[in-house]
Amino acid sequence: MSKSKDVRVIVVLECTSCVRNDVNKKSPGISRYITQKNRHNTSGRLELKKFCRYCKQHTIHVEIKK
């Protein structure tokens, strides 16, 4: 069986601040959120401002590949 071509797909959002701080080992982890997006309306990468519990502030979370 082949993959279905659903309009809504599941995406993972990752904090951009934690990724940069991971090199310095200041952050205890990386904040990630799982959400859905409409493939037809949002063809590019999704960017949302979400709360990061490691940075303790609202930061930009971008879509990553699974």
PDB file of N, CA and C in Angstrom:
ATOM      1  N   MET A   1       0.827  -1.176   0.000  1.00  0.00           N
ATOM      2  CA  MET A   1       0.000   0.000   0.000  1.00  0.00           C
ATOM      3  C   MET A   1       0.873   1.241   0.000  1.00  0.00           C
ATOM      4  N   SER A   2       0.407   2.259  -0.677  1.00  0.00           N
ATOM      5  CA  SER A   2       1.149   3.508  -0.728  1.00  0.00           C
ATOM      6  C   SER A   2       0.639   4.478   0.330  1.00  0.00           C
ATOM      7  N   LYS A   3       1.424   5.516   0.572  1.00  0.00           N
ATOM      8  CA  LYS A   3       1.024   6.534   1.533  1.00  0.00           C
ATOM      9  C   LYS A   3      -0.172   7.305   1.003  1.00  0.00           C
ATOM     10  N   SER A   4      -1.055   7.706   1.905  1.00  0.00           N
ATOM     11  CA  SER A   4      -2.196   8.500   1.483  1.00  0.00           C
ATOM     12  C   SER A   4      -1.771   9.957   1.312  1.00  0.00           C
ATOM     13  N   LYS A   5      -2.409  10.641   0.406  1.00  0.00           N
ATOM     14  CA  LYS A   5      -2.104  12.039   0.131  1.00  0.00           C
ATOM     15  C   LYS A   5      -3.084  12.931   0.887  1.00  0.00           C
ATOM     16  N   ASP A   6      -3.090  12.828   2.210  1.00  0.00           N
ATOM     17  CA  ASP A   6      -3.986  13.622   3.033  1.00  0.00           C
ATOM     18  C   ASP A   6      -3.625  15.099   2.943  1.00  0.00           C
ATOM     19  N   VAL A   7      -4.631  15.929   3.104  1.00  0.00           N
ATOM     20  CA  VAL A   7      -4.414  17.373   3.080  1.00  0.00           C
ATOM     21  C   VAL A   7      -3.764  17.813   4.387  1.00  0.00           C
ATOM     22  N   ARG A   8      -4.215  17.266   5.526  1.00  0.00           N
ATOM     23  CA  ARG A   8      -3.658  17.633   6.828  1.00  0.00           C
ATOM     24  C   ARG A   8      -2.530  16.662   7.179  1.00  0.00           C
ATOM     25  N   VAL A   9      -1.371  17.217   7.537  1.00  0.00           N
ATOM     26  CA  VAL A   9      -0.215  16.400   7.903  1.00  0.00           C
ATOM     27  C   VAL A   9       0.256  16.780   9.297  1.00  0.00           C
ATOM     28  N   ILE A  10       0.865  15.835   9.987  1.00  0.00           N
ATOM     29  CA  ILE A  10       1.404  16.062  11.331  1.00  0.00           C
ATOM     30  C   ILE A  10       2.830  16.598  11.193  1.00  0.00           C
ATOM     31  N   VAL A  11       3.128  17.690  11.908  1.00  0.00           N
ATOM     32  CA  VAL A  11       4.455  18.295  11.864  1.00  0.00           C
ATOM     33  C   VAL A  11       4.978  18.464  13.289  1.00  0.00           C
ATOM     34  N   VAL A  12       6.289  18.539  13.418  1.00  0.00           N
ATOM     35  CA  VAL A  12       6.946  18.746  14.705  1.00  0.00           C
ATOM     36  C   VAL A  12       7.599  20.124  14.675  1.00  0.00           C
ATOM     37  N   LEU A  13       7.326  20.932  15.710  1.00  0.00           N
ATOM     38  CA  LEU A  13       7.912  22.267  15.832  1.00  0.00           C
ATOM     39  C   LEU A  13       8.999  22.233  16.891  1.00  0.00           C
ATOM     40  N   GLU A  14      10.155  22.846  16.600  1.00  0.00           N
ATOM     41  CA  GLU A  14      11.292  22.828  17.514  1.00  0.00           C
ATOM     42  C   GLU A  14      11.750  24.256  17.802  1.00  0.00           C
ATOM     43  N   CYS A  15      12.105  24.517  19.053  1.00  0.00           N
ATOM     44  CA  CYS A  15      12.545  25.841  19.484  1.00  0.00           C
ATOM     45  C   CYS A  15      13.871  26.208  18.819  1.00  0.00           C
ATOM     46  N   THR A  16      13.942  27.435  18.295  1.00  0.00           N
ATOM     47  CA  THR A  16      15.185  27.874  17.647  1.00  0.00           C
ATOM     48  C   THR A  16      16.227  28.323  18.665  1.00  0.00           C
ATOM     49  N   SER A  17      15.811  28.831  19.813  1.00  0.00           N
ATOM     50  CA  SER A  17      16.755  29.291  20.831  1.00  0.00           C
ATOM     51  C   SER A  17      17.476  28.126  21.493  1.00  0.00           C
ATOM     52  N   CYS A  18      16.759  27.059  21.783  1.00  0.00           N
ATOM     53  CA  CYS A  18      17.365  25.898  22.438  1.00  0.00           C
ATOM     54  C   CYS A  18      18.373  25.203  21.537  1.00  0.00           C
ATOM     55  N   VAL A  19      18.132  25.203  20.243  1.00  0.00           N
ATOM     56  CA  VAL A  19      19.046  24.564  19.303  1.00  0.00           C
ATOM     57  C   VAL A  19      20.372  25.308  19.292  1.00  0.00           C
ATOM     58  N   ARG A  20      20.317  26.649  19.326  1.00  0.00           N
ATOM     59  CA  ARG A  20      21.550  27.436  19.346  1.00  0.00           C
ATOM     60  C   ARG A  20      22.288  27.277  20.675  1.00  0.00           C
ATOM     61  N   ASN A  21      21.548  27.180  21.788  1.00  0.00           N
ATOM     62  CA  ASN A  21      22.176  27.043  23.099  1.00  0.00           C
ATOM     63  C   ASN A  21      22.661  25.629  23.360  1.00  0.00           C
ATOM     64  N   ASP A  22      22.227  24.655  22.562  1.00  0.00           N
ATOM     65  CA  ASP A  22      22.626  23.266  22.784  1.00  0.00           C
ATOM     66  C   ASP A  22      24.130  23.084  22.608  1.00  0.00           C
ATOM     67  N   VAL A  23      24.763  23.899  21.775  1.00  0.00           N
ATOM     68  CA  VAL A  23      26.207  23.822  21.579  1.00  0.00           C
ATOM     69  C   VAL A  23      26.926  24.205  22.865  1.00  0.00           C
ATOM     70  N   ASN A  24      26.397  25.203  23.580  1.00  0.00           N
ATOM     71  CA  ASN A  24      27.011  25.664  24.824  1.00  0.00           C
ATOM     72  C   ASN A  24      26.602  24.827  26.034  1.00  0.00           C
ATOM     73  N   LYS A  25      25.633  23.920  25.853  1.00  0.00           N
ATOM     74  CA  LYS A  25      25.123  23.048  26.921  1.00  0.00           C
ATOM     75  C   LYS A  25      24.502  23.833  28.068  1.00  0.00           C
ATOM     76  N   LYS A  26      23.965  25.050  27.785  1.00  0.00           N
ATOM     77  CA  LYS A  26      23.281  25.824  28.816  1.00  0.00           C
ATOM     78  C   LYS A  26      21.856  25.331  29.007  1.00  0.00           C
ATOM     79  N   SER A  27      21.249  24.806  27.955  1.00  0.00           N
ATOM     80  CA  SER A  27      19.857  24.382  28.001  1.00  0.00           C
ATOM     81  C   SER A  27      19.760  22.912  28.396  1.00  0.00           C
ATOM     82  N   PRO A  28      18.844  22.557  29.319  1.00  0.00           N
ATOM     83  CA  PRO A  28      18.698  21.165  29.720  1.00  0.00           C
ATOM     84  C   PRO A  28      18.012  20.293  28.670  1.00  0.00           C
ATOM     85  N   GLY A  29      17.360  20.906  27.676  1.00  0.00           N
ATOM     86  CA  GLY A  29      16.668  20.145  26.645  1.00  0.00           C
ATOM     87  C   GLY A  29      16.227  21.025  25.507  1.00  0.00           C
ATOM     88  N   ILE A  30      15.482  20.441  24.577  1.00  0.00           N
ATOM     89  CA  ILE A  30      14.966  21.170  23.431  1.00  0.00           C
ATOM     90  C   ILE A  30      13.452  21.064  23.453  1.00  0.00           C
ATOM     91  N   SER A  31      12.781  22.205  23.388  1.00  0.00           N
ATOM     92  CA  SER A  31      11.326  22.252  23.408  1.00  0.00           C
ATOM     93  C   SER A  31      10.778  21.831  22.048  1.00  0.00           C
ATOM     94  N   ARG A  32       9.823  20.898  22.040  1.00  0.00           N
ATOM     95  CA  ARG A  32       9.182  20.447  20.807  1.00  0.00           C
ATOM     96  C   ARG A  32       7.684  20.378  20.998  1.00  0.00           C
ATOM     97  N   TYR A  33       6.953  20.756  19.969  1.00  0.00           N
ATOM     98  CA  TYR A  33       5.500  20.666  19.927  1.00  0.00           C
ATOM     99  C   TYR A  33       5.097  19.856  18.712  1.00  0.00           C
ATOM    100  N   ILE A  34       4.001  19.108  18.818  1.00  0.00           N
ATOM    101  CA  ILE A  34       3.446  18.360  17.699  1.00  0.00           C
ATOM    102  C   ILE A  34       2.112  18.994  17.345  1.00  0.00           C
ATOM    103  N   THR A  35       1.910  19.287  16.060  1.00  0.00           N
ATOM    104  CA  THR A  35       0.680  19.922  15.606  1.00  0.00           C
ATOM    105  C   THR A  35       0.368  19.445  14.185  1.00  0.00           C
ATOM    106  N   GLN A  36      -0.700  19.976  13.608  1.00  0.00           N
ATOM    107  CA  GLN A  36      -1.081  19.643  12.242  1.00  0.00           C
ATOM    108  C   GLN A  36      -1.093  20.905  11.406  1.00  0.00           C
ATOM    109  N   LYS A  37      -0.881  20.733  10.096  1.00  0.00           N
ATOM    110  CA  LYS A  37      -0.999  21.858   9.188  1.00  0.00           C
ATOM    111  C   LYS A  37      -1.680  21.397   7.915  1.00  0.00           C
ATOM    112  N   ASN A  38      -2.312  22.350   7.224  1.00  0.00           N
ATOM    113  CA  ASN A  38      -2.967  22.077   5.963  1.00  0.00           C
ATOM    114  C   ASN A  38      -1.924  22.229   4.855  1.00  0.00           C
ATOM    115  N   ARG A  39      -1.668  21.169   4.141  1.00  0.00           N
ATOM    116  CA  ARG A  39      -0.625  21.154   3.121  1.00  0.00           C
ATOM    117  C   ARG A  39      -0.915  22.137   1.980  1.00  0.00           C
ATOM    118  N   HIS A  40      -2.192  22.313   1.627  1.00  0.00           N
ATOM    119  CA  HIS A  40      -2.553  23.201   0.521  1.00  0.00           C
ATOM    120  C   HIS A  40      -2.412  24.671   0.895  1.00  0.00           C
ATOM    121  N   ASN A  41      -2.817  25.059   2.099  1.00  0.00           N
ATOM    122  CA  ASN A  41      -2.753  26.458   2.518  1.00  0.00           C
ATOM    123  C   ASN A  41      -1.362  26.882   2.953  1.00  0.00           C
ATOM    124  N   THR A  42      -0.610  25.988   3.578  1.00  0.00           N
ATOM    125  CA  THR A  42       0.724  26.295   4.098  1.00  0.00           C
ATOM    126  C   THR A  42       1.722  25.341   3.464  1.00  0.00           C
ATOM    127  N   SER A  43       2.228  25.711   2.300  1.00  0.00           N
ATOM    128  CA  SER A  43       3.137  24.812   1.590  1.00  0.00           C
ATOM    129  C   SER A  43       4.563  24.897   2.126  1.00  0.00           C
ATOM    130  N   GLY A  44       4.947  26.062   2.678  1.00  0.00           N
ATOM    131  CA  GLY A  44       6.297  26.237   3.213  1.00  0.00           C
ATOM    132  C   GLY A  44       6.410  25.723   4.639  1.00  0.00           C
ATOM    133  N   ARG A  45       7.549  26.015   5.257  1.00  0.00           N
ATOM    134  CA  ARG A  45       7.765  25.599   6.640  1.00  0.00           C
ATOM    135  C   ARG A  45       6.953  26.465   7.588  1.00  0.00           C
ATOM    136  N   LEU A  46       6.398  25.831   8.606  1.00  0.00           N
ATOM    137  CA  LEU A  46       5.550  26.509   9.574  1.00  0.00           C
ATOM    138  C   LEU A  46       6.409  27.117  10.684  1.00  0.00           C
ATOM    139  N   GLU A  47       6.135  28.367  11.046  1.00  0.00           N
ATOM    140  CA  GLU A  47       6.815  29.050  12.161  1.00  0.00           C
ATOM    141  C   GLU A  47       5.756  29.625  13.085  1.00  0.00           C
ATOM    142  N   LEU A  48       5.803  29.236  14.352  1.00  0.00           N
ATOM    143  CA  LEU A  48       4.854  29.739  15.345  1.00  0.00           C
ATOM    144  C   LEU A  48       5.610  30.196  16.579  1.00  0.00           C
ATOM    145  N   LYS A  49       5.054  31.181  17.271  1.00  0.00           N
ATOM    146  CA  LYS A  49       5.618  31.632  18.529  1.00  0.00           C
ATOM    147  C   LYS A  49       4.956  30.844  19.646  1.00  0.00           C
ATOM    148  N   LYS A  50       5.729  29.999  20.330  1.00  0.00           N
ATOM    149  CA  LYS A  50       5.221  29.136  21.383  1.00  0.00           C
ATOM    150  C   LYS A  50       6.075  29.321  22.636  1.00  0.00           C
ATOM    151  N   PHE A  51       5.567  28.846  23.776  1.00  0.00           N
ATOM    152  CA  PHE A  51       6.296  28.946  25.033  1.00  0.00           C
ATOM    153  C   PHE A  51       7.305  27.804  25.141  1.00  0.00           C
ATOM    154  N   CYS A  52       8.541  28.148  25.435  1.00  0.00           N
ATOM    155  CA  CYS A  52       9.593  27.153  25.649  1.00  0.00           C
ATOM    156  C   CYS A  52       9.831  27.034  27.143  1.00  0.00           C
ATOM    157  N   ARG A  53       9.632  25.849  27.690  1.00  0.00           N
ATOM    158  CA  ARG A  53       9.780  25.687  29.134  1.00  0.00           C
ATOM    159  C   ARG A  53      11.246  25.679  29.571  1.00  0.00           C
ATOM    160  N   TYR A  54      12.168  25.467  28.649  1.00  0.00           N
ATOM    161  CA  TYR A  54      13.590  25.493  28.991  1.00  0.00           C
ATOM    162  C   TYR A  54      14.142  26.917  28.967  1.00  0.00           C
ATOM    163  N   CYS A  55      13.694  27.724  27.999  1.00  0.00           N
ATOM    164  CA  CYS A  55      14.103  29.133  27.928  1.00  0.00           C
ATOM    165  C   CYS A  55      13.263  30.006  28.853  1.00  0.00           C
ATOM    166  N   LYS A  56      12.095  29.501  29.254  1.00  0.00           N
ATOM    167  CA  LYS A  56      11.139  30.208  30.109  1.00  0.00           C
ATOM    168  C   LYS A  56      10.651  31.511  29.478  1.00  0.00           C
ATOM    169  N   GLN A  57      10.421  31.472  28.161  1.00  0.00           N
ATOM    170  CA  GLN A  57       9.878  32.620  27.441  1.00  0.00           C
ATOM    171  C   GLN A  57       9.280  32.147  26.116  1.00  0.00           C
ATOM    172  N   HIS A  58       8.519  33.032  25.478  1.00  0.00           N
ATOM    173  CA  HIS A  58       7.947  32.712  24.181  1.00  0.00           C
ATOM    174  C   HIS A  58       9.020  32.898  23.113  1.00  0.00           C
ATOM    175  N   THR A  59       9.262  31.853  22.324  1.00  0.00           N
ATOM    176  CA  THR A  59      10.258  31.894  21.264  1.00  0.00           C
ATOM    177  C   THR A  59       9.648  31.359  19.971  1.00  0.00           C
ATOM    178  N   ILE A  60      10.360  31.536  18.871  1.00  0.00           N
ATOM    179  CA  ILE A  60       9.899  31.029  17.585  1.00  0.00           C
ATOM    180  C   ILE A  60      10.234  29.549  17.483  1.00  0.00           C
ATOM    181  N   HIS A  61       9.237  28.765  17.136  1.00  0.00           N
ATOM    182  CA  HIS A  61       9.399  27.331  16.913  1.00  0.00           C
ATOM    183  C   HIS A  61       9.191  27.081  15.420  1.00  0.00           C
ATOM    184  N   VAL A  62      10.102  26.364  14.792  1.00  0.00           N
ATOM    185  CA  VAL A  62      10.017  26.094  13.359  1.00  0.00           C
ATOM    186  C   VAL A  62       9.785  24.608  13.107  1.00  0.00           C
ATOM    187  N   GLU A  63       9.239  24.322  11.954  1.00  0.00           N
ATOM    188  CA  GLU A  63       8.946  22.942  11.571  1.00  0.00           C
ATOM    189  C   GLU A  63      10.234  22.206  11.224  1.00  0.00           C
ATOM    190  N   ILE A  64      10.351  20.969  11.709  1.00  0.00           N
ATOM    191  CA  ILE A  64      11.506  20.124  11.377  1.00  0.00           C
ATOM    192  C   ILE A  64      11.001  18.868  10.709  1.00  0.00           C
ATOM    193  N   LYS A  65      11.899  18.149  10.054  1.00  0.00           N
ATOM    194  CA  LYS A  65      11.527  16.875   9.446  1.00  0.00           C
ATOM    195  C   LYS A  65      11.469  15.806  10.505  1.00  0.00           C
ATOM    196  N   LYS A  66      10.556  14.860  10.323  1.00  0.00           N
ATOM    197  CA  LYS A  66      10.425  13.758  11.281  1.00  0.00           C
ATOM    198  C   LYS A  66      11.454  12.708  11.044  1.00  0.00           C
TER     199      LYS A  66
END
